[in-house]
Amino acid sequence: MERTRDTHEGVGGPGEQAVLLAAGLADLAVTTVGAAFTSVRGLLRRSDTAELAAGAEQDLIARGRLALDRYATAPPAHLEVLARQVIAQRDGDADRDGDRGRDGDRGRDGDGGCA
C-alpha cells in the first residue's frame, strides 16, 4: 500500500476518509492511554502515593466548592441591594445629625409639628 502525503490526494470516497479518520482517532487514543498508563505505573511505584492521593482529593474538593459557589449561588436581588444601600445611607445621615435624631427638628417635641 502506498502512503499518501498530508493532502487529500489518493484518498478515495467518503467511506475511505471515514476509515482513515477512525484509524487516526484510534491511534491518538492508544497513544494517550499508553502515556497515561505509564504515568500511573510511575505513581504506583512511589512511596508517598497515599499522601499524593490525599492531596489530590483535597484539591478536587476545593475545586468542587469553587465550582458550586460560582454556578449554584444566585446573585442578590438588585432592588434588595439598592434598599440596603438606602437604609445604610439613611442610618449614616442620622448618625451625622446627632442631636436632631431621625426626624430632624420637627415632630415629637412639638416645635413645628402638625396639630
N, C-alpha and C. Protein backbone atom coordinates (compact mmCIF):
# COMPACT_ATOMS: atom_id res chain seq x y z
N MET A 1 0.85 -1.17 0.00
CA MET A 1 0.00 0.00 0.00
C MET A 1 0.89 1.23 0.00
N GLU A 2 0.61 2.16 -0.83
CA GLU A 2 1.42 3.36 -0.99
C GLU A 2 0.93 4.45 -0.05
N ARG A 3 1.86 5.09 0.65
CA ARG A 3 1.49 6.18 1.56
C ARG A 3 1.23 7.44 0.77
N THR A 4 0.24 8.16 1.20
CA THR A 4 -0.06 9.45 0.57
C THR A 4 0.50 10.56 1.42
N ARG A 5 0.63 11.72 0.83
CA ARG A 5 1.09 12.88 1.59
C ARG A 5 -0.05 13.41 2.44
N ASP A 6 0.17 14.50 3.15
CA ASP A 6 -0.84 15.05 4.06
C ASP A 6 -2.00 15.70 3.33
N THR A 7 -2.00 15.68 2.04
CA THR A 7 -3.12 16.25 1.30
C THR A 7 -4.15 15.18 1.07
N HIS A 8 -5.23 15.54 0.43
CA HIS A 8 -6.31 14.58 0.16
C HIS A 8 -6.08 13.82 -1.13
N GLU A 9 -4.88 13.94 -1.72
CA GLU A 9 -4.60 13.20 -2.96
C GLU A 9 -4.55 11.72 -2.64
N GLY A 10 -5.12 10.90 -3.46
CA GLY A 10 -5.08 9.46 -3.28
C GLY A 10 -6.12 8.92 -2.32
N VAL A 11 -6.87 9.81 -1.67
CA VAL A 11 -7.92 9.38 -0.74
C VAL A 11 -9.18 9.16 -1.55
N GLY A 12 -9.78 8.00 -1.38
CA GLY A 12 -10.97 7.66 -2.14
C GLY A 12 -12.17 8.46 -1.68
N GLY A 13 -13.29 7.82 -1.69
CA GLY A 13 -14.55 8.47 -1.36
C GLY A 13 -14.71 8.71 0.13
N PRO A 14 -15.92 9.08 0.50
CA PRO A 14 -16.20 9.39 1.91
C PRO A 14 -16.00 8.18 2.83
N GLY A 15 -16.22 6.99 2.33
CA GLY A 15 -16.02 5.80 3.15
C GLY A 15 -14.58 5.63 3.56
N GLU A 16 -13.68 5.84 2.60
CA GLU A 16 -12.27 5.69 2.91
C GLU A 16 -11.80 6.81 3.85
N GLN A 17 -12.33 8.00 3.66
CA GLN A 17 -11.99 9.10 4.57
C GLN A 17 -12.44 8.78 5.99
N ALA A 18 -13.63 8.23 6.13
CA ALA A 18 -14.15 7.88 7.46
C ALA A 18 -13.27 6.83 8.12
N VAL A 19 -12.81 5.83 7.33
CA VAL A 19 -11.94 4.80 7.87
C VAL A 19 -10.61 5.40 8.32
N LEU A 20 -10.06 6.31 7.51
CA LEU A 20 -8.79 6.94 7.87
C LEU A 20 -8.94 7.82 9.12
N LEU A 21 -10.05 8.56 9.21
CA LEU A 21 -10.30 9.37 10.40
C LEU A 21 -10.43 8.49 11.65
N ALA A 22 -11.15 7.38 11.52
CA ALA A 22 -11.32 6.47 12.65
C ALA A 22 -9.98 5.87 13.06
N ALA A 23 -9.15 5.51 12.08
CA ALA A 23 -7.83 4.96 12.39
C ALA A 23 -6.96 6.00 13.08
N GLY A 24 -7.04 7.25 12.63
CA GLY A 24 -6.27 8.31 13.27
C GLY A 24 -6.71 8.55 14.70
N LEU A 25 -8.03 8.55 14.93
CA LEU A 25 -8.54 8.71 16.29
C LEU A 25 -8.14 7.55 17.18
N ALA A 26 -8.19 6.33 16.64
CA ALA A 26 -7.79 5.15 17.42
C ALA A 26 -6.31 5.24 17.79
N ASP A 27 -5.47 5.66 16.85
CA ASP A 27 -4.05 5.79 17.13
C ASP A 27 -3.81 6.84 18.21
N LEU A 28 -4.51 7.95 18.12
CA LEU A 28 -4.39 9.00 19.13
C LEU A 28 -4.82 8.48 20.50
N ALA A 29 -5.92 7.73 20.55
CA ALA A 29 -6.42 7.19 21.81
C ALA A 29 -5.42 6.20 22.41
N VAL A 30 -4.85 5.33 21.58
CA VAL A 30 -3.88 4.35 22.08
C VAL A 30 -2.65 5.06 22.62
N THR A 31 -2.18 6.08 21.90
CA THR A 31 -1.02 6.84 22.37
C THR A 31 -1.31 7.52 23.70
N THR A 32 -2.48 8.14 23.82
CA THR A 32 -2.86 8.84 25.06
C THR A 32 -3.01 7.86 26.21
N VAL A 33 -3.68 6.74 25.98
CA VAL A 33 -3.87 5.74 27.03
C VAL A 33 -2.52 5.17 27.45
N GLY A 34 -1.64 4.93 26.48
CA GLY A 34 -0.32 4.41 26.80
C GLY A 34 0.47 5.37 27.68
N ALA A 35 0.41 6.65 27.35
CA ALA A 35 1.11 7.65 28.16
C ALA A 35 0.50 7.73 29.57
N ALA A 36 -0.82 7.67 29.65
CA ALA A 36 -1.48 7.71 30.96
C ALA A 36 -1.12 6.48 31.78
N PHE A 37 -1.07 5.32 31.14
CA PHE A 37 -0.72 4.08 31.84
C PHE A 37 0.71 4.16 32.38
N THR A 38 1.61 4.70 31.60
CA THR A 38 2.99 4.86 32.05
C THR A 38 3.06 5.79 33.25
N SER A 39 2.30 6.87 33.22
CA SER A 39 2.27 7.81 34.35
C SER A 39 1.71 7.15 35.60
N VAL A 40 0.63 6.39 35.45
CA VAL A 40 0.02 5.72 36.60
C VAL A 40 0.98 4.69 37.18
N ARG A 41 1.65 3.94 36.32
CA ARG A 41 2.60 2.95 36.79
C ARG A 41 3.73 3.63 37.57
N GLY A 42 4.18 4.78 37.09
CA GLY A 42 5.21 5.53 37.81
C GLY A 42 4.73 6.02 39.16
N LEU A 43 3.45 6.43 39.22
CA LEU A 43 2.89 6.88 40.50
C LEU A 43 2.77 5.74 41.51
N LEU A 44 2.43 4.55 41.02
CA LEU A 44 2.26 3.42 41.93
C LEU A 44 3.58 2.98 42.54
N ARG A 45 4.67 3.27 41.88
CA ARG A 45 5.99 2.90 42.40
C ARG A 45 6.49 3.85 43.47
N ARG A 46 5.86 4.98 43.60
CA ARG A 46 6.32 5.98 44.58
C ARG A 46 5.97 5.54 45.99
N SER A 47 6.74 5.99 46.95
CA SER A 47 6.49 5.63 48.34
C SER A 47 5.48 6.56 49.00
N ASP A 48 5.25 7.72 48.42
CA ASP A 48 4.31 8.68 49.02
C ASP A 48 2.98 8.73 48.26
N THR A 49 2.57 7.60 47.74
CA THR A 49 1.33 7.54 46.95
C THR A 49 0.11 7.94 47.78
N ALA A 50 0.07 7.52 49.04
CA ALA A 50 -1.08 7.84 49.90
C ALA A 50 -1.19 9.35 50.11
N GLU A 51 -0.05 10.00 50.33
CA GLU A 51 -0.07 11.45 50.52
C GLU A 51 -0.48 12.17 49.24
N LEU A 52 0.00 11.66 48.11
CA LEU A 52 -0.40 12.26 46.82
C LEU A 52 -1.90 12.13 46.60
N ALA A 53 -2.44 10.96 46.92
CA ALA A 53 -3.88 10.73 46.75
C ALA A 53 -4.69 11.64 47.68
N ALA A 54 -4.23 11.80 48.92
CA ALA A 54 -4.93 12.67 49.85
C ALA A 54 -4.88 14.12 49.39
N GLY A 55 -3.74 14.55 48.90
CA GLY A 55 -3.63 15.92 48.37
C GLY A 55 -4.51 16.14 47.16
N ALA A 56 -4.55 15.13 46.28
CA ALA A 56 -5.40 15.24 45.09
C ALA A 56 -6.87 15.30 45.47
N GLU A 57 -7.25 14.52 46.49
CA GLU A 57 -8.64 14.53 46.95
C GLU A 57 -9.01 15.91 47.51
N GLN A 58 -8.12 16.50 48.30
CA GLN A 58 -8.40 17.82 48.86
C GLN A 58 -8.48 18.88 47.76
N ASP A 59 -7.62 18.76 46.77
CA ASP A 59 -7.68 19.70 45.64
C ASP A 59 -9.00 19.58 44.88
N LEU A 60 -9.44 18.34 44.67
CA LEU A 60 -10.71 18.15 43.96
C LEU A 60 -11.89 18.68 44.77
N ILE A 61 -11.85 18.49 46.07
CA ILE A 61 -12.93 19.01 46.92
C ILE A 61 -12.95 20.54 46.86
N ALA A 62 -11.78 21.16 46.92
CA ALA A 62 -11.72 22.62 46.84
C ALA A 62 -12.22 23.12 45.49
N ARG A 63 -11.84 22.43 44.41
CA ARG A 63 -12.33 22.82 43.09
C ARG A 63 -13.84 22.66 43.00
N GLY A 64 -14.37 21.60 43.60
CA GLY A 64 -15.81 21.38 43.60
C GLY A 64 -16.54 22.49 44.33
N ARG A 65 -16.00 22.90 45.48
CA ARG A 65 -16.62 24.01 46.22
C ARG A 65 -16.62 25.30 45.41
N LEU A 66 -15.49 25.58 44.78
CA LEU A 66 -15.41 26.79 43.95
C LEU A 66 -16.40 26.74 42.80
N ALA A 67 -16.51 25.58 42.17
CA ALA A 67 -17.44 25.45 41.04
C ALA A 67 -18.88 25.64 41.50
N LEU A 68 -19.23 25.04 42.64
CA LEU A 68 -20.60 25.20 43.15
C LEU A 68 -20.87 26.64 43.55
N ASP A 69 -19.89 27.27 44.19
CA ASP A 69 -20.08 28.68 44.57
C ASP A 69 -20.24 29.56 43.35
N ARG A 70 -19.53 29.22 42.29
CA ARG A 70 -19.58 30.04 41.07
C ARG A 70 -20.91 29.88 40.34
N TYR A 71 -21.44 28.66 40.30
CA TYR A 71 -22.60 28.40 39.47
C TYR A 71 -23.90 28.19 40.23
N ALA A 72 -23.83 27.80 41.50
CA ALA A 72 -25.06 27.44 42.22
C ALA A 72 -25.70 28.60 42.95
N THR A 73 -24.91 29.54 43.43
CA THR A 73 -25.50 30.62 44.20
C THR A 73 -26.01 31.72 43.27
N ALA A 74 -27.21 32.15 43.56
CA ALA A 74 -27.81 33.23 42.77
C ALA A 74 -27.33 34.56 43.31
N PRO A 75 -27.12 35.51 42.45
CA PRO A 75 -26.72 36.84 42.93
C PRO A 75 -27.88 37.47 43.70
N PRO A 76 -27.59 38.39 44.62
CA PRO A 76 -28.67 39.02 45.40
C PRO A 76 -29.58 39.84 44.48
N ALA A 77 -30.81 39.97 44.90
CA ALA A 77 -31.79 40.73 44.12
C ALA A 77 -31.35 42.20 44.03
N HIS A 78 -31.44 42.77 42.85
CA HIS A 78 -30.96 44.12 42.60
C HIS A 78 -31.67 45.15 43.48
N LEU A 79 -32.99 45.05 43.57
CA LEU A 79 -33.74 46.01 44.38
C LEU A 79 -33.42 45.87 45.87
N GLU A 80 -33.16 44.67 46.32
CA GLU A 80 -32.80 44.48 47.72
C GLU A 80 -31.45 45.14 48.02
N VAL A 81 -30.51 45.02 47.10
CA VAL A 81 -29.21 45.66 47.28
C VAL A 81 -29.38 47.17 47.35
N LEU A 82 -30.20 47.73 46.46
CA LEU A 82 -30.44 49.16 46.48
C LEU A 82 -31.11 49.60 47.78
N ALA A 83 -32.09 48.81 48.26
CA ALA A 83 -32.78 49.16 49.50
C ALA A 83 -31.82 49.14 50.68
N ARG A 84 -30.91 48.16 50.72
CA ARG A 84 -29.93 48.11 51.81
C ARG A 84 -29.00 49.31 51.75
N GLN A 85 -28.62 49.73 50.56
CA GLN A 85 -27.77 50.91 50.43
C GLN A 85 -28.48 52.16 50.92
N VAL A 86 -29.75 52.30 50.61
CA VAL A 86 -30.52 53.47 51.06
C VAL A 86 -30.64 53.46 52.58
N ILE A 87 -30.91 52.30 53.15
CA ILE A 87 -31.03 52.21 54.61
C ILE A 87 -29.70 52.55 55.27
N ALA A 88 -28.61 52.04 54.73
CA ALA A 88 -27.29 52.34 55.29
C ALA A 88 -26.97 53.82 55.18
N GLN A 89 -27.35 54.43 54.06
CA GLN A 89 -27.11 55.86 53.87
C GLN A 89 -27.97 56.66 54.85
N ARG A 90 -29.21 56.26 55.01
CA ARG A 90 -30.11 56.95 55.93
C ARG A 90 -29.60 56.85 57.37
N ASP A 91 -29.12 55.67 57.75
CA ASP A 91 -28.56 55.50 59.10
C ASP A 91 -27.31 56.35 59.28
N GLY A 92 -26.51 56.45 58.23
CA GLY A 92 -25.31 57.30 58.30
C GLY A 92 -25.67 58.76 58.44
N ASP A 93 -26.72 59.21 57.74
CA ASP A 93 -27.16 60.60 57.84
C ASP A 93 -27.69 60.87 59.25
N ALA A 94 -28.40 59.93 59.84
CA ALA A 94 -28.95 60.11 61.19
C ALA A 94 -27.82 60.20 62.21
N ASP A 95 -26.77 59.43 62.02
CA ASP A 95 -25.63 59.50 62.94
C ASP A 95 -24.91 60.83 62.84
N ARG A 96 -24.84 61.42 61.66
CA ARG A 96 -24.17 62.71 61.48
C ARG A 96 -25.00 63.85 62.06
N ASP A 97 -26.33 63.72 62.00
CA ASP A 97 -27.20 64.78 62.52
C ASP A 97 -27.10 64.87 64.03
N GLY A 98 -26.83 63.78 64.68
CA GLY A 98 -26.59 63.78 66.12
C GLY A 98 -27.83 64.06 66.94
N ASP A 99 -27.92 65.29 67.50
CA ASP A 99 -28.96 65.60 68.47
C ASP A 99 -30.33 65.77 67.83
N ARG A 100 -30.43 65.99 66.54
CA ARG A 100 -31.74 66.17 65.92
C ARG A 100 -32.48 64.86 65.78
N GLY A 101 -31.78 63.74 65.75
CA GLY A 101 -32.43 62.45 65.64
C GLY A 101 -32.86 62.18 64.21
N ARG A 102 -33.69 61.18 64.05
CA ARG A 102 -34.13 60.76 62.73
C ARG A 102 -35.12 61.74 62.11
N ASP A 103 -35.92 62.39 62.93
CA ASP A 103 -36.98 63.26 62.41
C ASP A 103 -36.51 64.69 62.20
N GLY A 104 -35.29 64.97 62.49
CA GLY A 104 -34.80 66.33 62.30
C GLY A 104 -35.29 67.22 63.43
N ASP A 105 -35.60 68.50 63.12
CA ASP A 105 -36.04 69.45 64.13
C ASP A 105 -37.53 69.37 64.40
N ARG A 106 -38.29 68.70 63.53
CA ARG A 106 -39.74 68.68 63.69
C ARG A 106 -40.18 67.40 64.38
N GLY A 107 -41.43 67.38 64.74
CA GLY A 107 -42.05 66.14 65.13
C GLY A 107 -42.34 66.02 66.58
N ARG A 108 -41.62 65.22 67.33
CA ARG A 108 -42.02 64.76 68.66
C ARG A 108 -41.97 65.84 69.74
N ASP A 109 -41.12 66.81 69.61
CA ASP A 109 -41.01 67.79 70.69
C ASP A 109 -42.07 68.88 70.61
N GLY A 110 -42.87 68.90 69.59
CA GLY A 110 -43.97 69.87 69.47
C GLY A 110 -43.60 71.13 68.74
N ASP A 111 -42.33 71.38 68.45
CA ASP A 111 -41.94 72.60 67.75
C ASP A 111 -42.11 72.40 66.25
N GLY A 112 -43.07 73.00 65.65
CA GLY A 112 -43.24 72.95 64.22
C GLY A 112 -43.94 71.70 63.72
N GLY A 113 -44.47 70.87 64.60
CA GLY A 113 -45.16 69.66 64.19
C GLY A 113 -46.59 69.96 63.77
N CYS A 114 -47.22 69.01 63.20
CA CYS A 114 -48.63 69.18 62.78
C CYS A 114 -49.52 69.01 63.98
N ALA A 115 -50.63 69.74 63.98
CA ALA A 115 -51.56 69.69 65.10
C ALA A 115 -52.59 68.63 64.93
